[in-house]
Amino acid sequence: MEQQSTPGPPQWSGPQWSGPQWSGPPWWGRPGDGPRGSRLPWRSTLLLTVLVIAGTRAAALGRQGDRAHLDALAYALLLVAAGALLWRQRYPVPVVFVTAMAATVYLGAGYPYGPVFLTVAVGCFGALAAGHRTAAWTAVGLFWAGHVLVSHWLYRWLPPAGDSAASWGQELVIATWVVAFVAVAELVRVRREQWARERVERAQAAQRRADEERLRIARELHDVLAHSISVINVQAGVGLALLDSDPEQARTALTTIKAAGKEALGEVRQVLDTLRAPGDAPRAPAPGLGRLPELVEQAASAGLAVTVEGTAPRLAPGADLAAFRIVQEALTNVVRHSGSRRARVHLDTRADVLRLRVDDDGPATAADGTATGAGAGSGGNGLAGMRERAAALGGTVEAGVRPDGGFRVVAVVPLTTSAEDSVAPREGR
């Protein structure tokens, strides 16, 4: 199938659309600027050449008396005007000027009117489609000006002999057709630019969605693995310490490790199932604040006593998952980075927001003493992940050392979110 001319690809600078940049290619074009670069529209050019020659011969039969007879020069000019269109996709600017010049010489030689105008129209359309507006308008303007010059002044010295000046009404009709065709070509060019811009915007939107999904999956994996591995690490230390002196307690630690590992594997499998089967509805409910008792029990198995104050409100699935993960990450960091064996989780609902507060009494166990307690991440992604979850719902997370020591994490999550945010992120099957 023949390749049709399309506008050059739009360029982007940053996230904002800066419009099509037609100044990249040189004004004369270059090989490969057209679609696929290597194929020439020879079928349509051949068909157009036959149409121009046949139509001109038909026009000559009816006007033998007042126009010059078709001769070798006439056919040569017609072949040049039509044949140049073979390169209209690669070199649109030279082609539009060649067709305009050949048609002007043809008419100036007094040959019969006919489809020769069509070669100029197609050349102009190709230049406009490639974004060379100035060249297209200039070539068409010069062609029309040459026609006016020949028809109203130079006709006295040009063939055929005895020719008279054309009427201005005829010139007006020709000018109207020229303007109408160029306007249609401009409209097609604008629409092509819009389609190219929309394609780029759709590709950018798809890329953003993919990036957001990767970030969500990375955040889920971090929260699940950080919590479970912290519990496993603590219990493994307990088991090793008590393996000889208290085998029964060591057995309990190993049981806890097994349960934590099983839970971690299940949650990781849920996240990975989302990648394997996109579009399927999740078959397991997303975690929420309703699982706080389980979270407290897991923390207790890691040697952390957690006190929960307040009642968890009913939240949209997305907000419920975010609140659960924030509390989970905060308690995980207490286990990993605080010397305190006690933590407090406070839930407070007021003014359409849920205020979560997680406190521990410290002191820090990090080597540098800077990453302490609930919000510590030792340079990791825990606190950043909490902030991202809250920000996605229009909330905030603040974390820092308390004046009396220890660490505090305060998260504010709106109770009502948009319809998009109210849907929980996919947890898998």
Protein backbone atom coordinates (compact mmCIF):
# COMPACT_ATOMS: atom_id res chain seq x y z
CA MET A 1 0.00 0.00 0.00
CA GLU A 2 1.24 3.47 -0.82
CA GLN A 3 2.57 5.57 2.03
CA GLN A 4 0.76 8.83 2.57
CA SER A 5 2.44 12.04 3.65
CA THR A 6 2.19 12.81 7.33
CA PRO A 7 3.51 15.68 9.40
CA GLY A 8 6.83 15.27 11.12
CA PRO A 9 6.79 14.01 14.72
CA PRO A 10 6.07 16.67 17.36
CA GLN A 11 8.83 17.48 19.79
CA TRP A 12 8.53 17.74 23.53
CA SER A 13 10.64 19.70 26.00
CA GLY A 14 9.75 18.61 29.51
CA PRO A 15 6.26 17.54 30.50
CA GLN A 16 4.50 20.38 28.67
CA TRP A 17 3.55 20.21 24.98
CA SER A 18 5.52 22.87 23.14
CA GLY A 19 3.78 22.48 19.80
CA PRO A 20 5.11 20.93 16.59
CA GLN A 21 8.64 22.04 15.83
CA TRP A 22 8.93 22.18 12.05
CA SER A 23 12.24 24.02 12.12
CA GLY A 24 14.24 20.82 12.68
CA PRO A 25 14.54 19.58 9.05
CA PRO A 26 16.22 21.91 6.53
CA TRP A 27 13.88 23.93 4.34
CA TRP A 28 14.47 21.66 1.35
CA GLY A 29 13.72 18.47 3.32
CA ARG A 30 15.96 15.43 3.24
CA PRO A 31 15.68 11.74 2.38
CA GLY A 32 13.79 9.87 5.04
CA ASP A 33 11.65 12.81 6.19
CA GLY A 34 8.53 11.20 4.76
CA PRO A 35 6.81 8.08 6.12
CA ARG A 36 9.27 5.20 6.33
CA GLY A 37 11.67 7.28 4.27
CA SER A 38 12.45 4.71 1.55
CA ARG A 39 9.25 4.34 -0.48
CA LEU A 40 8.07 6.75 -3.14
CA PRO A 41 4.37 7.28 -3.98
CA TRP A 42 4.86 6.10 -7.54
CA ARG A 43 1.37 4.63 -7.97
CA SER A 44 -0.48 7.84 -7.18
CA THR A 45 2.08 9.87 -9.15
CA LEU A 46 1.64 7.65 -12.21
CA LEU A 47 -2.13 7.87 -11.94
CA LEU A 48 -1.96 11.65 -11.58
CA THR A 49 0.39 11.96 -14.57
CA VAL A 50 -1.98 9.97 -16.78
CA LEU A 51 -4.92 12.09 -15.55
CA VAL A 52 -3.11 15.35 -16.26
CA ILE A 53 -2.02 14.37 -19.78
CA ALA A 54 -5.36 12.82 -20.74
CA GLY A 55 -7.31 15.74 -19.29
CA THR A 56 -5.12 18.27 -21.06
CA ARG A 57 -5.58 16.49 -24.39
CA ALA A 58 -9.34 16.51 -23.86
CA ALA A 59 -9.25 20.23 -23.03
CA ALA A 60 -7.12 20.93 -26.14
CA LEU A 61 -9.70 19.31 -28.44
CA GLY A 62 -12.33 21.88 -27.51
CA ARG A 63 -10.08 24.95 -27.70
CA GLN A 64 -7.99 24.47 -30.84
CA GLY A 65 -8.78 27.94 -32.12
CA ASP A 66 -7.81 30.23 -29.23
CA ARG A 67 -4.92 28.30 -27.59
CA ALA A 68 -1.64 26.89 -28.85
CA HIS A 69 -1.45 23.30 -30.04
CA LEU A 70 0.10 20.72 -27.75
CA ASP A 71 3.65 19.97 -28.83
CA ALA A 72 6.74 18.31 -27.36
CA LEU A 73 7.43 21.25 -25.05
CA ALA A 74 3.86 21.10 -23.70
CA TYR A 75 4.12 17.40 -22.91
CA ALA A 76 7.56 17.91 -21.37
CA LEU A 77 6.22 20.62 -19.06
CA LEU A 78 3.28 18.42 -18.07
CA LEU A 79 5.61 15.51 -17.32
CA VAL A 80 7.89 17.73 -15.26
CA ALA A 81 4.99 19.17 -13.24
CA ALA A 82 3.39 15.76 -12.60
CA GLY A 83 6.61 13.72 -12.31
CA ALA A 84 8.07 16.04 -9.65
CA LEU A 85 5.28 14.93 -7.35
CA LEU A 86 7.04 11.58 -6.99
CA TRP A 87 9.37 13.30 -4.45
CA ARG A 88 6.69 15.37 -2.71
CA GLN A 89 7.14 13.46 0.56
CA ARG A 90 10.94 13.69 0.69
CA TYR A 91 11.50 17.16 -0.75
CA PRO A 92 8.19 19.03 -0.37
CA VAL A 93 9.57 22.56 -0.79
CA PRO A 94 11.50 22.07 -4.07
CA VAL A 95 8.56 20.06 -5.44
CA VAL A 96 5.96 22.78 -4.81
CA PHE A 97 8.18 25.39 -6.52
CA VAL A 98 8.94 23.09 -9.48
CA THR A 99 5.25 22.35 -10.07
CA ALA A 100 4.34 26.04 -9.79
CA MET A 101 7.12 27.04 -12.20
CA ALA A 102 6.31 24.34 -14.74
CA ALA A 103 2.61 25.22 -14.67
CA THR A 104 3.38 28.93 -15.04
CA VAL A 105 5.62 28.32 -18.09
CA TYR A 106 2.97 26.01 -19.54
CA LEU A 107 0.26 28.66 -19.30
CA GLY A 108 2.62 31.40 -20.45
CA ALA A 109 3.32 29.40 -23.61
CA GLY A 110 -0.38 29.63 -24.44
CA TYR A 111 -1.20 25.97 -24.12
CA PRO A 112 -4.79 24.92 -23.27
CA TYR A 113 -6.01 25.11 -19.71
CA GLY A 114 -6.60 21.78 -17.99
CA PRO A 115 -5.59 19.57 -15.05
CA VAL A 116 -2.14 21.18 -14.89
CA PHE A 117 -3.55 23.20 -11.98
CA LEU A 118 -3.93 19.91 -10.10
CA THR A 119 -0.14 19.40 -9.96
CA VAL A 120 0.30 22.73 -8.18
CA ALA A 121 -2.52 21.86 -5.77
CA VAL A 122 -0.99 18.48 -4.85
CA GLY A 123 2.48 19.99 -4.46
CA CYS A 124 1.07 22.72 -2.21
CA PHE A 125 -0.78 20.15 -0.12
CA GLY A 126 2.40 18.10 0.36
CA ALA A 127 4.36 21.16 1.54
CA LEU A 128 1.61 22.21 3.94
CA ALA A 129 1.30 18.69 5.33
CA ALA A 130 5.05 18.68 6.00
CA GLY A 131 4.75 21.96 7.88
CA HIS A 132 6.36 24.24 5.25
CA ARG A 133 3.56 26.80 5.22
CA THR A 134 5.60 29.77 4.02
CA ALA A 135 6.98 27.85 1.05
CA ALA A 136 3.54 26.54 0.08
CA TRP A 137 1.85 29.93 0.25
CA THR A 138 4.75 31.61 -1.57
CA ALA A 139 4.74 29.09 -4.43
CA VAL A 140 0.97 29.33 -4.90
CA GLY A 141 1.10 33.13 -4.69
CA LEU A 142 3.85 33.29 -7.33
CA PHE A 143 1.89 30.93 -9.57
CA TRP A 144 -1.25 33.04 -9.36
CA ALA A 145 0.74 36.28 -9.83
CA GLY A 146 2.44 34.79 -12.92
CA HIS A 147 -0.95 33.79 -14.30
CA VAL A 148 -2.29 37.32 -13.78
CA LEU A 149 0.81 38.81 -15.39
CA VAL A 150 0.50 36.56 -18.45
CA SER A 151 -3.28 36.95 -18.80
CA HIS A 152 -3.38 40.78 -18.55
CA TRP A 153 -0.04 42.07 -19.83
CA LEU A 154 2.40 39.60 -21.37
CA TYR A 155 -0.28 37.96 -23.53
CA ARG A 156 0.50 40.59 -26.28
CA TRP A 157 3.96 39.10 -26.85
CA LEU A 158 3.24 35.45 -26.00
CA PRO A 159 1.55 32.77 -28.08
CA PRO A 160 -1.01 32.22 -29.41
CA ALA A 161 -1.17 35.16 -31.78
CA GLY A 162 -4.21 37.38 -31.43
CA ASP A 163 -4.93 36.29 -27.87
CA SER A 164 -6.96 38.72 -25.75
CA ALA A 165 -6.80 39.59 -22.06
CA ALA A 166 -8.66 37.38 -19.64
CA SER A 167 -11.56 38.82 -17.68
CA TRP A 168 -11.03 39.86 -14.07
CA GLY A 169 -14.06 37.78 -13.15
CA GLN A 170 -12.14 34.71 -14.33
CA GLU A 171 -9.18 35.74 -12.17
CA LEU A 172 -11.47 36.15 -9.20
CA VAL A 173 -12.85 32.65 -9.68
CA ILE A 174 -9.32 31.19 -9.94
CA ALA A 175 -8.18 33.10 -6.84
CA THR A 176 -11.23 31.86 -4.91
CA TRP A 177 -10.47 28.25 -5.83
CA VAL A 178 -6.82 28.68 -4.85
CA VAL A 179 -7.70 30.17 -1.46
CA ALA A 180 -10.34 27.51 -0.83
CA PHE A 181 -7.95 24.67 -1.61
CA VAL A 182 -5.13 26.11 0.47
CA ALA A 183 -7.57 26.61 3.36
CA VAL A 184 -8.61 22.95 3.14
CA ALA A 185 -4.95 21.93 3.10
CA GLU A 186 -4.31 24.08 6.17
CA LEU A 187 -7.23 22.44 7.94
CA VAL A 188 -5.85 18.98 7.16
CA ARG A 189 -2.43 20.06 8.44
CA VAL A 190 -3.91 21.35 11.71
CA ARG A 191 -5.87 18.15 12.22
CA ARG A 192 -2.77 16.03 11.62
CA GLU A 193 -0.83 18.08 14.14
CA GLN A 194 -3.65 17.58 16.65
CA TRP A 195 -3.66 13.84 16.05
CA ALA A 196 0.12 13.70 16.47
CA ARG A 197 -0.11 15.70 19.70
CA GLU A 198 -2.89 13.48 21.03
CA ARG A 199 -0.85 10.35 20.27
CA VAL A 200 2.10 11.76 22.18
CA GLU A 201 -0.14 12.81 25.07
CA ARG A 202 -1.72 9.34 25.23
CA ALA A 203 1.73 7.77 25.25
CA GLN A 204 2.84 10.14 28.01
CA ALA A 205 -0.29 9.37 30.05
CA ALA A 206 0.24 5.64 29.64
CA GLN A 207 3.85 6.04 30.75
CA ARG A 208 2.77 8.03 33.80
CA ARG A 209 0.24 5.35 34.74
CA ALA A 210 2.89 2.67 34.36
CA ASP A 211 5.31 4.66 36.53
CA GLU A 212 2.66 5.20 39.19
CA GLU A 213 1.81 1.48 39.19
CA ARG A 214 5.47 0.53 39.54
CA LEU A 215 5.81 2.98 42.42
CA ARG A 216 2.71 1.55 44.10
CA ILE A 217 3.98 -2.02 43.76
CA ALA A 218 7.43 -1.03 45.06
CA ARG A 219 5.78 0.68 48.04
CA GLU A 220 3.63 -2.37 48.78
CA LEU A 221 6.59 -4.71 48.60
CA HIS A 222 8.65 -2.46 50.84
CA ASP A 223 5.93 -2.24 53.49
CA VAL A 224 5.20 -5.97 53.45
CA LEU A 225 8.81 -7.14 53.43
CA ALA A 226 10.14 -4.55 55.89
CA HIS A 227 7.53 -5.47 58.48
CA SER A 228 7.74 -9.23 58.10
CA ILE A 229 11.53 -9.41 57.83
CA SER A 230 11.90 -7.20 60.91
CA VAL A 231 9.74 -9.62 62.90
CA ILE A 232 11.69 -12.58 61.50
CA ASN A 233 15.02 -10.93 62.33
CA VAL A 234 14.02 -10.19 65.94
CA GLN A 235 12.62 -13.67 66.51
CA ALA A 236 15.66 -15.30 64.91
CA GLY A 237 17.86 -13.44 67.40
CA VAL A 238 15.67 -14.58 70.28
CA GLY A 239 15.72 -18.18 69.03
CA LEU A 240 19.48 -18.24 68.71
CA ALA A 241 19.96 -16.74 72.17
CA LEU A 242 17.59 -19.22 73.85
CA LEU A 243 18.31 -22.30 71.74
CA ASP A 244 20.39 -23.95 74.49
CA SER A 245 19.02 -22.38 77.69
CA ASP A 246 15.29 -22.36 76.88
CA PRO A 247 14.45 -24.67 73.95
CA GLU A 248 10.70 -24.17 74.44
CA GLN A 249 10.98 -20.40 74.08
CA ALA A 250 13.22 -20.91 71.05
CA ARG A 251 10.51 -23.13 69.56
CA THR A 252 7.98 -20.32 70.07
CA ALA A 253 10.32 -17.89 68.27
CA LEU A 254 10.66 -20.30 65.35
CA THR A 255 6.88 -20.67 65.20
CA THR A 256 6.56 -16.90 64.99
CA ILE A 257 9.17 -16.81 62.22
CA LYS A 258 7.24 -19.41 60.27
CA ALA A 259 3.95 -17.49 60.63
CA ALA A 260 5.56 -14.18 59.64
CA GLY A 261 7.26 -15.76 56.65
CA LYS A 262 4.01 -17.38 55.52
CA GLU A 263 2.15 -14.08 55.77
CA ALA A 264 4.91 -12.24 53.88
CA LEU A 265 4.89 -14.82 51.09
CA GLY A 266 1.11 -14.54 50.78
CA GLU A 267 1.16 -10.75 50.51
CA VAL A 268 4.06 -10.74 48.07
CA ARG A 269 2.22 -13.30 45.94
CA GLN A 270 -0.84 -11.04 45.92
CA VAL A 271 1.21 -8.10 44.67
CA LEU A 272 2.95 -10.19 42.00
CA ASP A 273 -0.36 -11.65 40.83
CA THR A 274 -1.37 -8.11 39.90
CA LEU A 275 1.47 -8.06 37.38
CA ARG A 276 0.67 -11.49 35.97
CA ALA A 277 -3.06 -10.92 35.47
CA PRO A 278 -3.77 -7.19 34.96
CA GLY A 279 -7.44 -6.29 34.74
CA ASP A 280 -8.73 -9.13 36.93
CA ALA A 281 -10.71 -8.21 40.00
CA PRO A 282 -8.85 -8.85 43.26
CA ARG A 283 -10.01 -11.97 45.09
CA ALA A 284 -8.60 -11.03 48.49
CA PRO A 285 -9.65 -7.92 50.41
CA ALA A 286 -7.04 -5.22 50.87
CA PRO A 287 -5.71 -4.84 54.43
CA GLY A 288 -7.25 -2.07 56.53
CA LEU A 289 -7.45 -0.74 60.07
CA GLY A 290 -9.74 -3.65 60.89
CA ARG A 291 -6.56 -5.76 61.00
CA LEU A 292 -4.96 -3.63 63.71
CA PRO A 293 -5.37 -6.44 66.30
CA GLU A 294 -3.33 -8.75 64.04
CA LEU A 295 -0.70 -6.05 63.68
CA VAL A 296 -0.53 -5.63 67.46
CA GLU A 297 -0.18 -9.40 67.89
CA GLN A 298 2.65 -9.55 65.35
CA ALA A 299 4.43 -6.66 67.08
CA ALA A 300 4.04 -8.46 70.40
CA SER A 301 5.68 -11.54 68.92
CA ALA A 302 8.63 -9.31 68.06
CA GLY A 303 8.84 -8.11 71.66
CA LEU A 304 7.01 -4.80 71.16
CA ALA A 305 4.00 -4.04 73.37
CA VAL A 306 1.54 -1.87 71.43
CA THR A 307 -1.35 0.05 72.97
CA VAL A 308 -4.16 1.21 70.67
CA GLU A 309 -6.25 4.21 71.73
CA GLY A 310 -9.38 5.25 69.88
CA THR A 311 -11.64 3.48 67.43
CA ALA A 312 -10.90 3.00 63.77
CA PRO A 313 -13.55 4.74 61.62
CA ARG A 314 -15.05 3.35 58.43
CA LEU A 315 -12.83 4.46 55.54
CA ALA A 316 -12.88 4.11 51.79
CA PRO A 317 -10.80 1.08 50.70
CA GLY A 318 -7.89 3.19 49.42
CA ALA A 319 -7.70 5.32 52.56
CA ASP A 320 -8.12 2.25 54.78
CA LEU A 321 -5.16 0.52 53.12
CA ALA A 322 -3.00 3.65 53.36
CA ALA A 323 -3.77 4.10 57.07
CA PHE A 324 -2.97 0.45 57.78
CA ARG A 325 0.33 0.59 55.90
CA ILE A 326 1.35 3.81 57.68
CA VAL A 327 0.77 2.24 61.11
CA GLN A 328 2.50 -0.97 59.99
CA GLU A 329 5.59 0.90 58.76
CA ALA A 330 5.74 3.06 61.88
CA LEU A 331 5.64 0.01 64.18
CA THR A 332 8.19 -1.78 62.02
CA ASN A 333 10.59 1.13 62.45
CA VAL A 334 10.06 1.08 66.21
CA VAL A 335 11.12 -2.58 66.23
CA ARG A 336 14.14 -1.89 64.03
CA HIS A 337 15.41 1.46 65.28
CA SER A 338 14.16 2.16 68.80
CA GLY A 339 15.40 0.85 72.11
CA SER A 340 11.87 1.15 73.50
CA ARG A 341 9.79 -1.99 73.79
CA ARG A 342 6.53 -0.08 74.01
CA ALA A 343 4.61 1.91 71.39
CA ARG A 344 1.29 3.74 71.38
CA VAL A 345 -1.11 4.07 68.45
CA HIS A 346 -3.69 6.82 68.81
CA LEU A 347 -6.69 7.14 66.44
CA ASP A 348 -8.61 10.42 66.44
CA THR A 349 -11.46 11.24 64.06
CA ARG A 350 -12.49 14.87 63.73
CA ALA A 351 -13.44 17.40 61.04
CA ASP A 352 -13.65 14.77 58.28
CA VAL A 353 -10.08 13.58 58.82
CA LEU A 354 -8.47 10.66 60.59
CA ARG A 355 -5.45 11.63 62.68
CA LEU A 356 -3.05 8.75 63.32
CA ARG A 357 -0.30 9.12 65.91
CA VAL A 358 2.37 6.52 66.66
CA ASP A 359 4.73 7.20 69.60
CA ASP A 360 7.64 5.40 71.18
CA ASP A 361 9.89 6.45 74.04
CA GLY A 362 13.25 5.72 72.41
CA PRO A 363 16.16 5.86 72.68
CA ALA A 364 17.49 5.32 69.17
CA THR A 365 19.51 2.23 68.40
CA ALA A 366 20.89 3.48 65.06
CA ALA A 367 24.63 3.86 64.96
CA ASP A 368 24.48 7.56 64.15
CA GLY A 369 21.66 8.26 66.53
CA THR A 370 19.74 10.21 63.92
CA ALA A 371 17.24 7.63 62.76
CA THR A 372 15.09 7.04 65.75
CA GLY A 373 11.88 5.28 66.47
CA ALA A 374 8.69 5.10 64.49
CA GLY A 375 9.70 7.17 61.53
CA ALA A 376 13.25 6.04 61.16
CA GLY A 377 14.34 4.42 58.01
CA SER A 378 18.10 4.50 58.28
CA GLY A 379 18.19 6.22 54.93
CA GLY A 380 15.53 3.83 53.52
CA ASN A 381 12.17 4.44 51.92
CA GLY A 382 9.83 3.89 54.88
CA LEU A 383 9.07 7.51 55.77
CA ALA A 384 9.00 8.53 52.10
CA GLY A 385 6.51 5.75 51.39
CA MET A 386 4.24 6.88 54.25
CA ARG A 387 4.26 10.44 52.91
CA GLU A 388 3.51 9.27 49.38
CA ARG A 389 0.53 7.21 50.55
CA ALA A 390 -0.92 10.11 52.52
CA ALA A 391 -0.26 12.65 49.75
CA ALA A 392 -2.04 10.46 47.20
CA LEU A 393 -5.21 10.86 49.28
CA GLY A 394 -4.73 14.56 50.02
CA GLY A 395 -3.28 13.95 53.49
CA THR A 396 0.04 14.56 55.20
CA VAL A 397 2.62 12.76 57.34
CA GLU A 398 4.90 14.47 59.83
CA ALA A 399 7.62 12.69 61.75
CA GLY A 400 10.32 13.75 64.17
CA VAL A 401 11.91 13.45 67.59
CA ARG A 402 9.67 14.40 70.51
CA PRO A 403 10.86 17.10 72.96
CA ASP A 404 10.93 14.53 75.78
CA GLY A 405 12.76 11.93 73.68
CA GLY A 406 11.49 9.10 71.56
CA PHE A 407 9.91 9.51 68.15
CA ARG A 408 6.47 10.47 66.86
CA VAL A 409 4.72 9.94 63.53
CA VAL A 410 1.53 11.91 62.87
CA ALA A 411 -0.53 11.12 59.76
CA VAL A 412 -3.65 12.98 58.64
CA VAL A 413 -5.86 11.09 56.19
CA PRO A 414 -9.13 12.54 54.80
CA LEU A 415 -12.20 10.45 55.58
CA THR A 416 -13.76 11.30 52.21
CA THR A 417 -11.75 11.04 49.00
CA SER A 418 -12.49 11.29 45.30
CA ALA A 419 -14.07 8.36 43.49
CA GLU A 420 -10.71 7.44 42.03
CA ASP A 421 -8.99 7.41 45.41
CA SER A 422 -11.82 5.54 47.07
CA VAL A 423 -10.91 2.40 45.16
CA ALA A 424 -8.23 0.40 46.90
CA PRO A 425 -5.09 -0.34 44.93
CA ARG A 426 -5.12 -3.88 43.63
CA GLU A 427 -3.83 -6.37 46.15
CA GLY A 428 -3.84 -9.25 43.71
CA ARG A 429 -5.70 -12.54 43.93
